[in-house]
Amino acid sequence: MKTILFAASTAILFAVLGCKTPSSQNVSYTGEPATVYKTKADYSKNVPVTMNEAKTEIVAYPSPKDVYYKGALAYPTVLKKDYLLDNRGIGLNTVFLKYTYDEYAKLQNAPTLKELGEAIIDKDPFVEIYNLGDRSRFKNEVEEINELIRKGGLKKFKRIK
């Protein structure tokens, strides 16, 4: 169990801190990505986990102490037109659990992989996912991203789904 948690934590750390993904200007970045997404249903209060490409097993999940962003529960930021700005680590292989952030944060230990698997509520939750590049490039990220959405500007960025 400790090996899985270490591997998952390491994978998430490298994904968040060490990734190099092209932005809309084809410039690589190494900061935290600005990921904007829309889901088929409202999963904004539900904890996300990462599955393998076949979506047959969970490969990364947080400990109850790791569901925070900047000192608060890592709920996504609500944007215009039902889009959300990720604060947790959303990707193409992300699924959502029946656990809310609040419920999960109160657990003493993370559920077992079997329990996590049984708690998945949607294995294909996304309508759209966009990578807007390095999050720090925005001075007022919510205002600027909402303006992009309003003007149809998300299409200029890398669409993940």
N, C-alpha and C. Protein backbone atom coordinates (compact mmCIF):
# COMPACT_ATOMS: atom_id res chain seq x y z
N MET A 1 0.82 -1.18 0.00
CA MET A 1 0.00 0.00 0.00
C MET A 1 0.88 1.26 0.00
N LYS A 2 1.92 1.26 0.84
CA LYS A 2 2.81 2.42 0.88
C LYS A 2 3.51 2.61 -0.45
N THR A 3 3.86 1.50 -1.12
CA THR A 3 4.51 1.58 -2.42
C THR A 3 3.59 2.22 -3.44
N ILE A 4 2.32 1.82 -3.42
CA ILE A 4 1.34 2.39 -4.37
C ILE A 4 1.18 3.88 -4.10
N LEU A 5 1.03 4.25 -2.82
CA LEU A 5 0.88 5.67 -2.49
C LEU A 5 2.11 6.48 -2.90
N PHE A 6 3.31 5.92 -2.65
CA PHE A 6 4.53 6.61 -3.03
C PHE A 6 4.60 6.77 -4.54
N ALA A 7 4.30 5.69 -5.27
CA ALA A 7 4.35 5.75 -6.74
C ALA A 7 3.33 6.75 -7.28
N ALA A 8 2.12 6.71 -6.71
CA ALA A 8 1.08 7.63 -7.16
C ALA A 8 1.46 9.07 -6.84
N SER A 9 1.97 9.30 -5.63
CA SER A 9 2.37 10.65 -5.24
C SER A 9 3.50 11.15 -6.13
N THR A 10 4.46 10.29 -6.42
CA THR A 10 5.57 10.66 -7.28
C THR A 10 5.08 11.00 -8.68
N ALA A 11 4.16 10.17 -9.21
CA ALA A 11 3.63 10.41 -10.55
C ALA A 11 2.89 11.74 -10.61
N ILE A 12 2.09 12.02 -9.59
CA ILE A 12 1.35 13.28 -9.57
C ILE A 12 2.31 14.45 -9.46
N LEU A 13 3.32 14.32 -8.60
CA LEU A 13 4.30 15.39 -8.43
C LEU A 13 5.00 15.71 -9.74
N PHE A 14 5.45 14.67 -10.46
CA PHE A 14 6.11 14.90 -11.74
C PHE A 14 5.13 15.47 -12.76
N ALA A 15 3.88 14.99 -12.73
CA ALA A 15 2.90 15.49 -13.69
C ALA A 15 2.61 16.96 -13.47
N VAL A 16 2.50 17.36 -12.20
CA VAL A 16 2.15 18.74 -11.91
C VAL A 16 3.35 19.66 -12.00
N LEU A 17 4.48 19.25 -11.43
CA LEU A 17 5.63 20.14 -11.35
C LEU A 17 6.60 20.02 -12.51
N GLY A 18 6.69 18.86 -13.13
CA GLY A 18 7.73 18.68 -14.11
C GLY A 18 7.28 18.50 -15.54
N CYS A 19 6.01 18.72 -15.81
CA CYS A 19 5.54 18.46 -17.16
C CYS A 19 5.96 19.58 -18.10
N LYS A 20 6.08 19.22 -19.36
CA LYS A 20 6.35 20.20 -20.40
C LYS A 20 5.34 19.95 -21.49
N THR A 21 4.37 20.83 -21.58
CA THR A 21 3.28 20.71 -22.53
C THR A 21 3.20 21.99 -23.33
N PRO A 22 2.97 21.88 -24.64
CA PRO A 22 2.90 23.10 -25.42
C PRO A 22 1.67 23.93 -25.08
N SER A 23 1.83 25.22 -25.01
CA SER A 23 0.70 26.13 -24.84
C SER A 23 0.22 26.53 -26.22
N SER A 24 -0.70 27.47 -26.25
CA SER A 24 -1.23 27.88 -27.55
C SER A 24 -0.17 28.53 -28.42
N GLN A 25 0.92 29.01 -27.84
CA GLN A 25 1.98 29.63 -28.62
C GLN A 25 3.14 28.65 -28.85
N ASN A 26 2.91 27.37 -28.60
CA ASN A 26 3.93 26.32 -28.77
C ASN A 26 5.18 26.59 -27.94
N VAL A 27 4.99 27.15 -26.75
CA VAL A 27 6.08 27.39 -25.82
C VAL A 27 5.92 26.38 -24.70
N SER A 28 7.00 25.70 -24.33
CA SER A 28 6.86 24.74 -23.24
C SER A 28 6.89 25.46 -21.90
N TYR A 29 6.32 24.80 -20.90
CA TYR A 29 6.29 25.37 -19.58
C TYR A 29 6.55 24.29 -18.56
N THR A 30 6.91 24.70 -17.38
CA THR A 30 7.19 23.73 -16.33
C THR A 30 6.39 24.02 -15.08
N GLY A 31 5.47 24.95 -15.13
CA GLY A 31 4.65 25.30 -13.97
C GLY A 31 3.38 24.47 -13.90
N GLU A 32 2.53 24.90 -13.02
CA GLU A 32 1.24 24.23 -12.82
C GLU A 32 0.33 24.53 -14.02
N PRO A 33 -0.27 23.50 -14.61
CA PRO A 33 -1.11 23.74 -15.79
C PRO A 33 -2.46 24.35 -15.43
N ALA A 34 -2.97 25.17 -16.33
CA ALA A 34 -4.34 25.67 -16.23
C ALA A 34 -5.18 24.73 -17.07
N THR A 35 -5.95 23.89 -16.41
CA THR A 35 -6.80 22.92 -17.10
C THR A 35 -8.25 23.33 -16.91
N VAL A 36 -8.95 23.53 -18.02
CA VAL A 36 -10.35 23.92 -18.01
C VAL A 36 -11.15 22.76 -18.59
N TYR A 37 -12.25 22.45 -17.92
CA TYR A 37 -13.02 21.29 -18.37
C TYR A 37 -14.50 21.47 -18.12
N LYS A 38 -15.26 20.61 -18.78
CA LYS A 38 -16.71 20.55 -18.60
C LYS A 38 -17.07 19.08 -18.47
N THR A 39 -17.96 18.76 -17.52
CA THR A 39 -18.37 17.37 -17.29
C THR A 39 -19.82 17.16 -17.70
N LYS A 40 -20.17 15.88 -17.86
CA LYS A 40 -21.53 15.50 -18.25
C LYS A 40 -22.55 15.77 -17.15
N ALA A 41 -22.09 15.73 -15.90
CA ALA A 41 -22.94 16.00 -14.73
C ALA A 41 -22.11 16.84 -13.77
N ASP A 42 -22.73 17.29 -12.69
CA ASP A 42 -22.00 18.12 -11.73
C ASP A 42 -21.22 17.23 -10.77
N TYR A 43 -19.90 17.12 -11.02
CA TYR A 43 -19.00 16.37 -10.16
C TYR A 43 -18.05 17.32 -9.41
N SER A 44 -18.40 18.57 -9.33
CA SER A 44 -17.49 19.57 -8.77
C SER A 44 -17.18 19.35 -7.30
N LYS A 45 -17.99 18.63 -6.59
CA LYS A 45 -17.74 18.35 -5.17
C LYS A 45 -17.11 16.98 -4.95
N ASN A 46 -16.98 16.19 -6.03
CA ASN A 46 -16.48 14.82 -5.92
C ASN A 46 -14.98 14.73 -6.14
N VAL A 47 -14.34 13.83 -5.38
CA VAL A 47 -12.90 13.64 -5.46
C VAL A 47 -12.54 12.90 -6.76
N PRO A 48 -11.58 13.43 -7.53
CA PRO A 48 -11.11 12.75 -8.73
C PRO A 48 -9.95 11.81 -8.42
N VAL A 49 -9.85 10.72 -9.18
CA VAL A 49 -8.70 9.82 -9.13
C VAL A 49 -8.31 9.52 -10.57
N THR A 50 -7.12 8.98 -10.76
CA THR A 50 -6.63 8.69 -12.10
C THR A 50 -6.60 7.19 -12.34
N MET A 51 -7.11 6.78 -13.49
CA MET A 51 -7.10 5.38 -13.88
C MET A 51 -6.09 5.17 -15.01
N ASN A 52 -5.79 3.91 -15.29
CA ASN A 52 -4.93 3.60 -16.44
C ASN A 52 -5.70 3.92 -17.72
N GLU A 53 -5.03 3.84 -18.86
CA GLU A 53 -5.68 4.20 -20.14
C GLU A 53 -6.91 3.35 -20.44
N ALA A 54 -6.87 2.08 -20.07
CA ALA A 54 -8.00 1.19 -20.32
C ALA A 54 -9.12 1.41 -19.31
N LYS A 55 -8.85 2.20 -18.29
CA LYS A 55 -9.80 2.47 -17.21
C LYS A 55 -10.26 1.18 -16.52
N THR A 56 -9.27 0.33 -16.28
CA THR A 56 -9.54 -0.93 -15.59
C THR A 56 -8.99 -0.93 -14.17
N GLU A 57 -8.08 0.03 -13.86
CA GLU A 57 -7.55 0.11 -12.50
C GLU A 57 -7.14 1.53 -12.17
N ILE A 58 -7.25 1.85 -10.90
CA ILE A 58 -6.84 3.17 -10.41
C ILE A 58 -5.33 3.16 -10.25
N VAL A 59 -4.67 4.18 -10.82
CA VAL A 59 -3.21 4.25 -10.75
C VAL A 59 -2.72 5.40 -9.86
N ALA A 60 -3.59 6.35 -9.54
CA ALA A 60 -3.20 7.45 -8.66
C ALA A 60 -4.44 7.97 -7.94
N TYR A 61 -4.26 8.22 -6.64
CA TYR A 61 -5.34 8.76 -5.84
C TYR A 61 -4.74 9.51 -4.65
N PRO A 62 -5.47 10.47 -4.13
CA PRO A 62 -4.92 11.28 -3.04
C PRO A 62 -5.12 10.62 -1.67
N SER A 63 -4.29 11.02 -0.74
CA SER A 63 -4.56 10.67 0.65
C SER A 63 -5.59 11.70 1.12
N PRO A 64 -6.28 11.44 2.19
CA PRO A 64 -7.25 12.43 2.68
C PRO A 64 -6.63 13.79 3.00
N LYS A 65 -5.34 13.83 3.27
CA LYS A 65 -4.67 15.10 3.57
C LYS A 65 -4.26 15.85 2.29
N ASP A 66 -4.39 15.19 1.14
CA ASP A 66 -3.94 15.78 -0.12
C ASP A 66 -5.05 16.32 -1.00
N VAL A 67 -6.23 16.57 -0.43
CA VAL A 67 -7.33 17.09 -1.24
C VAL A 67 -7.52 18.59 -1.02
N TYR A 68 -6.40 19.26 -0.82
CA TYR A 68 -6.41 20.70 -0.58
C TYR A 68 -5.62 21.42 -1.66
N TYR A 69 -5.97 22.67 -1.91
CA TYR A 69 -5.26 23.53 -2.84
C TYR A 69 -5.18 24.91 -2.18
N LYS A 70 -3.98 25.37 -1.96
CA LYS A 70 -3.75 26.66 -1.31
C LYS A 70 -4.49 26.76 0.03
N GLY A 71 -4.46 25.68 0.79
CA GLY A 71 -5.02 25.67 2.14
C GLY A 71 -6.51 25.41 2.26
N ALA A 72 -7.22 25.27 1.15
CA ALA A 72 -8.66 25.00 1.17
C ALA A 72 -8.93 23.73 0.38
N LEU A 73 -10.10 23.14 0.60
CA LEU A 73 -10.45 21.95 -0.20
C LEU A 73 -10.35 22.31 -1.68
N ALA A 74 -9.85 21.38 -2.47
CA ALA A 74 -9.47 21.64 -3.87
C ALA A 74 -10.64 21.60 -4.85
N TYR A 75 -11.77 22.13 -4.45
CA TYR A 75 -12.89 22.20 -5.38
C TYR A 75 -12.44 22.97 -6.62
N PRO A 76 -12.95 22.57 -7.79
CA PRO A 76 -12.60 23.35 -8.98
C PRO A 76 -13.24 24.74 -8.91
N THR A 77 -12.64 25.68 -9.60
CA THR A 77 -13.16 27.03 -9.67
C THR A 77 -14.23 27.08 -10.75
N VAL A 78 -15.41 27.58 -10.41
CA VAL A 78 -16.52 27.66 -11.35
C VAL A 78 -16.27 28.81 -12.31
N LEU A 79 -16.41 28.52 -13.61
CA LEU A 79 -16.24 29.49 -14.67
C LEU A 79 -17.55 29.67 -15.44
N LYS A 80 -17.53 30.50 -16.44
CA LYS A 80 -18.70 30.74 -17.29
C LYS A 80 -19.06 29.48 -18.10
N LYS A 81 -20.32 29.41 -18.52
CA LYS A 81 -20.84 28.38 -19.43
C LYS A 81 -20.56 26.96 -18.92
N ASP A 82 -20.65 26.75 -17.61
CA ASP A 82 -20.48 25.42 -16.97
C ASP A 82 -19.07 24.85 -17.06
N TYR A 83 -18.08 25.67 -17.38
CA TYR A 83 -16.69 25.22 -17.36
C TYR A 83 -16.16 25.31 -15.94
N LEU A 84 -15.14 24.51 -15.67
CA LEU A 84 -14.47 24.49 -14.37
C LEU A 84 -12.97 24.62 -14.59
N LEU A 85 -12.30 25.29 -13.67
CA LEU A 85 -10.85 25.40 -13.66
C LEU A 85 -10.34 24.41 -12.63
N ASP A 86 -9.52 23.48 -13.03
CA ASP A 86 -9.03 22.43 -12.15
C ASP A 86 -8.10 22.96 -11.07
N ASN A 87 -8.27 22.43 -9.88
CA ASN A 87 -7.38 22.74 -8.76
C ASN A 87 -6.84 21.46 -8.13
N ARG A 88 -6.95 20.32 -8.82
CA ARG A 88 -6.58 19.05 -8.22
C ARG A 88 -5.66 18.19 -9.08
N GLY A 89 -5.79 18.22 -10.39
CA GLY A 89 -4.98 17.37 -11.26
C GLY A 89 -5.82 16.54 -12.22
N ILE A 90 -6.72 17.19 -12.92
CA ILE A 90 -7.63 16.53 -13.87
C ILE A 90 -6.87 16.18 -15.14
N GLY A 91 -7.20 15.02 -15.71
CA GLY A 91 -6.62 14.58 -16.97
C GLY A 91 -7.60 13.68 -17.70
N LEU A 92 -7.19 13.22 -18.85
CA LEU A 92 -8.05 12.39 -19.69
C LEU A 92 -8.50 11.11 -18.98
N ASN A 93 -7.66 10.56 -18.12
CA ASN A 93 -7.99 9.30 -17.44
C ASN A 93 -8.53 9.52 -16.03
N THR A 94 -8.99 10.72 -15.75
CA THR A 94 -9.58 11.03 -14.45
C THR A 94 -11.01 10.53 -14.41
N VAL A 95 -11.39 9.99 -13.25
CA VAL A 95 -12.77 9.60 -12.97
C VAL A 95 -13.13 10.21 -11.61
N PHE A 96 -14.39 10.20 -11.29
CA PHE A 96 -14.83 10.79 -10.03
C PHE A 96 -15.41 9.74 -9.10
N LEU A 97 -15.18 9.97 -7.81
CA LEU A 97 -15.66 9.06 -6.77
C LEU A 97 -16.93 9.59 -6.13
N LYS A 98 -17.65 8.72 -5.47
CA LYS A 98 -18.86 9.14 -4.75
C LYS A 98 -18.50 10.02 -3.55
N TYR A 99 -17.26 9.96 -3.09
CA TYR A 99 -16.82 10.77 -1.95
C TYR A 99 -16.74 12.24 -2.34
N THR A 100 -17.30 13.11 -1.51
CA THR A 100 -17.09 14.54 -1.71
C THR A 100 -15.74 14.89 -1.10
N TYR A 101 -15.22 16.05 -1.46
CA TYR A 101 -13.95 16.50 -0.88
C TYR A 101 -14.07 16.55 0.65
N ASP A 102 -15.17 17.08 1.13
CA ASP A 102 -15.36 17.22 2.57
C ASP A 102 -15.36 15.85 3.26
N GLU A 103 -16.10 14.88 2.72
CA GLU A 103 -16.14 13.54 3.30
C GLU A 103 -14.75 12.89 3.27
N TYR A 104 -14.10 13.00 2.14
CA TYR A 104 -12.80 12.35 1.94
C TYR A 104 -11.74 12.94 2.88
N ALA A 105 -11.75 14.26 3.04
CA ALA A 105 -10.77 14.93 3.89
C ALA A 105 -10.90 14.51 5.35
N LYS A 106 -12.07 14.07 5.75
CA LYS A 106 -12.31 13.67 7.13
C LYS A 106 -11.90 12.22 7.41
N LEU A 107 -11.58 11.45 6.37
CA LEU A 107 -11.17 10.06 6.57
C LEU A 107 -9.81 10.00 7.26
N GLN A 108 -9.61 9.00 8.11
CA GLN A 108 -8.32 8.81 8.77
C GLN A 108 -7.28 8.28 7.79
N ASN A 109 -7.71 7.39 6.89
CA ASN A 109 -6.85 6.79 5.87
C ASN A 109 -7.59 6.75 4.55
N ALA A 110 -6.83 6.67 3.47
CA ALA A 110 -7.45 6.53 2.15
C ALA A 110 -8.14 5.16 2.08
N PRO A 111 -9.25 5.09 1.38
CA PRO A 111 -9.90 3.79 1.18
C PRO A 111 -8.97 2.83 0.43
N THR A 112 -9.26 1.56 0.49
CA THR A 112 -8.47 0.57 -0.25
C THR A 112 -8.75 0.75 -1.74
N LEU A 113 -7.89 0.17 -2.57
CA LEU A 113 -8.12 0.25 -4.02
C LEU A 113 -9.47 -0.36 -4.39
N LYS A 114 -9.83 -1.45 -3.73
CA LYS A 114 -11.12 -2.08 -4.00
C LYS A 114 -12.26 -1.12 -3.65
N GLU A 115 -12.17 -0.48 -2.50
CA GLU A 115 -13.20 0.47 -2.08
C GLU A 115 -13.25 1.67 -3.03
N LEU A 116 -12.09 2.15 -3.46
CA LEU A 116 -12.05 3.26 -4.41
C LEU A 116 -12.70 2.86 -5.72
N GLY A 117 -12.37 1.65 -6.20
CA GLY A 117 -12.97 1.17 -7.45
C GLY A 117 -14.48 1.09 -7.36
N GLU A 118 -14.98 0.65 -6.22
CA GLU A 118 -16.43 0.54 -6.02
C GLU A 118 -17.08 1.92 -5.86
N ALA A 119 -16.29 2.93 -5.55
CA ALA A 119 -16.81 4.28 -5.33
C ALA A 119 -16.83 5.14 -6.60
N ILE A 120 -16.35 4.60 -7.72
CA ILE A 120 -16.34 5.36 -8.98
C ILE A 120 -17.78 5.58 -9.44
N ILE A 121 -18.11 6.83 -9.74
CA ILE A 121 -19.48 7.13 -10.19
C ILE A 121 -19.58 7.38 -11.69
N ASP A 122 -18.45 7.63 -12.34
CA ASP A 122 -18.48 7.85 -13.79
C ASP A 122 -17.08 7.64 -14.36
N LYS A 123 -16.95 6.68 -15.28
CA LYS A 123 -15.64 6.40 -15.89
C LYS A 123 -15.40 7.24 -17.14
N ASP A 124 -16.40 7.96 -17.59
CA ASP A 124 -16.24 8.82 -18.77
C ASP A 124 -16.98 10.14 -18.51
N PRO A 125 -16.49 10.94 -17.56
CA PRO A 125 -17.25 12.10 -17.11
C PRO A 125 -17.11 13.37 -17.93
N PHE A 126 -16.15 13.44 -18.85
CA PHE A 126 -15.83 14.72 -19.48
C PHE A 126 -16.49 14.93 -20.83
N VAL A 127 -16.92 16.17 -21.05
CA VAL A 127 -17.40 16.61 -22.35
C VAL A 127 -16.22 17.24 -23.10
N GLU A 128 -15.46 18.08 -22.38
CA GLU A 128 -14.30 18.77 -22.94
C GLU A 128 -13.24 18.95 -21.86
N ILE A 129 -11.97 18.93 -22.29
CA ILE A 129 -10.84 19.29 -21.42
C ILE A 129 -9.85 20.07 -22.27
N TYR A 130 -9.41 21.23 -21.76
CA TYR A 130 -8.42 22.05 -22.46
C TYR A 130 -7.23 22.31 -21.55
N ASN A 131 -6.04 22.28 -22.12
CA ASN A 131 -4.81 22.67 -21.42
C ASN A 131 -4.47 24.07 -21.91
N LEU A 132 -4.53 25.04 -21.00
CA LEU A 132 -4.27 26.44 -21.35
C LEU A 132 -2.83 26.85 -21.08
N GLY A 133 -1.97 25.88 -20.79
CA GLY A 133 -0.58 26.19 -20.54
C GLY A 133 -0.33 26.52 -19.08
N ASP A 134 0.76 27.20 -18.84
CA ASP A 134 1.19 27.53 -17.48
C ASP A 134 0.19 28.46 -16.80
N ARG A 135 -0.30 28.03 -15.66
CA ARG A 135 -1.31 28.77 -14.92
C ARG A 135 -0.82 30.15 -14.47
N SER A 136 0.46 30.26 -14.19
CA SER A 136 1.00 31.52 -13.67
C SER A 136 1.04 32.63 -14.73
N ARG A 137 0.78 32.31 -15.98
CA ARG A 137 0.81 33.34 -17.02
C ARG A 137 -0.39 34.28 -16.95
N PHE A 138 -1.42 33.86 -16.20
CA PHE A 138 -2.60 34.69 -16.03
C PHE A 138 -2.42 35.60 -14.82
N LYS A 139 -2.72 36.87 -14.98
CA LYS A 139 -2.66 37.80 -13.85
C LYS A 139 -3.91 37.64 -12.98
N ASN A 140 -5.06 37.55 -13.61
CA ASN A 140 -6.33 37.29 -12.93
C ASN A 140 -6.97 36.12 -13.67
N GLU A 141 -6.58 34.91 -13.29
CA GLU A 141 -6.93 33.73 -14.08
C GLU A 141 -8.43 33.56 -14.30
N VAL A 142 -9.24 33.76 -13.30
CA VAL A 142 -10.68 33.55 -13.47
C VAL A 142 -11.26 34.55 -14.46
N GLU A 143 -10.93 35.80 -14.29
CA GLU A 143 -11.43 36.84 -15.19
C GLU A 143 -10.94 36.61 -16.63
N GLU A 144 -9.66 36.32 -16.78
CA GLU A 144 -9.09 36.14 -18.12
C GLU A 144 -9.61 34.87 -18.80
N ILE A 145 -9.76 33.79 -18.05
CA ILE A 145 -10.26 32.55 -18.65
C ILE A 145 -11.74 32.69 -18.99
N ASN A 146 -12.50 33.37 -18.14
CA ASN A 146 -13.91 33.62 -18.47
C ASN A 146 -14.04 34.45 -19.74
N GLU A 147 -13.13 35.39 -19.94
CA GLU A 147 -13.14 36.19 -21.17
C GLU A 147 -12.83 35.30 -22.39
N LEU A 148 -11.87 34.39 -22.23
CA LEU A 148 -11.58 33.43 -23.31
C LEU A 148 -12.82 32.60 -23.64
N ILE A 149 -13.50 32.13 -22.61
CA ILE A 149 -14.71 31.32 -22.82
C ILE A 149 -15.77 32.15 -23.53
N ARG A 150 -15.98 33.36 -23.05
CA ARG A 150 -17.00 34.24 -23.63
C ARG A 150 -16.75 34.50 -25.11
N LYS A 151 -15.47 34.63 -25.49
CA LYS A 151 -15.12 34.92 -26.88
C LYS A 151 -14.89 33.66 -27.72
N GLY A 152 -15.11 32.48 -27.14
CA GLY A 152 -14.86 31.24 -27.88
C GLY A 152 -13.39 30.94 -28.04
N GLY A 153 -12.54 31.50 -27.19
CA GLY A 153 -11.09 31.38 -27.33
C GLY A 153 -10.47 30.09 -26.83
N LEU A 154 -11.23 29.22 -26.18
CA LEU A 154 -10.64 27.96 -25.72
C LEU A 154 -10.13 27.12 -26.89
N LYS A 155 -10.73 27.29 -28.04
CA LYS A 155 -10.36 26.50 -29.23
C LYS A 155 -8.92 26.75 -29.68
N LYS A 156 -8.32 27.85 -29.23
CA LYS A 156 -6.93 28.17 -29.58
C LYS A 156 -5.95 27.31 -28.81
N PHE A 157 -6.42 26.65 -27.75
CA PHE A 157 -5.55 25.88 -26.88
C PHE A 157 -5.65 24.38 -27.16
N LYS A 158 -4.75 23.64 -26.56
CA LYS A 158 -4.71 22.20 -26.77
C LYS A 158 -5.94 21.54 -26.15
N ARG A 159 -6.74 20.91 -26.99
CA ARG A 159 -7.92 20.18 -26.51
C ARG A 159 -7.48 18.75 -26.19
N ILE A 160 -7.67 18.36 -24.95
CA ILE A 160 -7.31 17.01 -24.52
C ILE A 160 -8.47 16.06 -24.79
N LYS A 161 -9.67 16.55 -24.67
CA LYS A 161 -10.87 15.79 -25.06
C LYS A 161 -11.89 16.76 -25.58
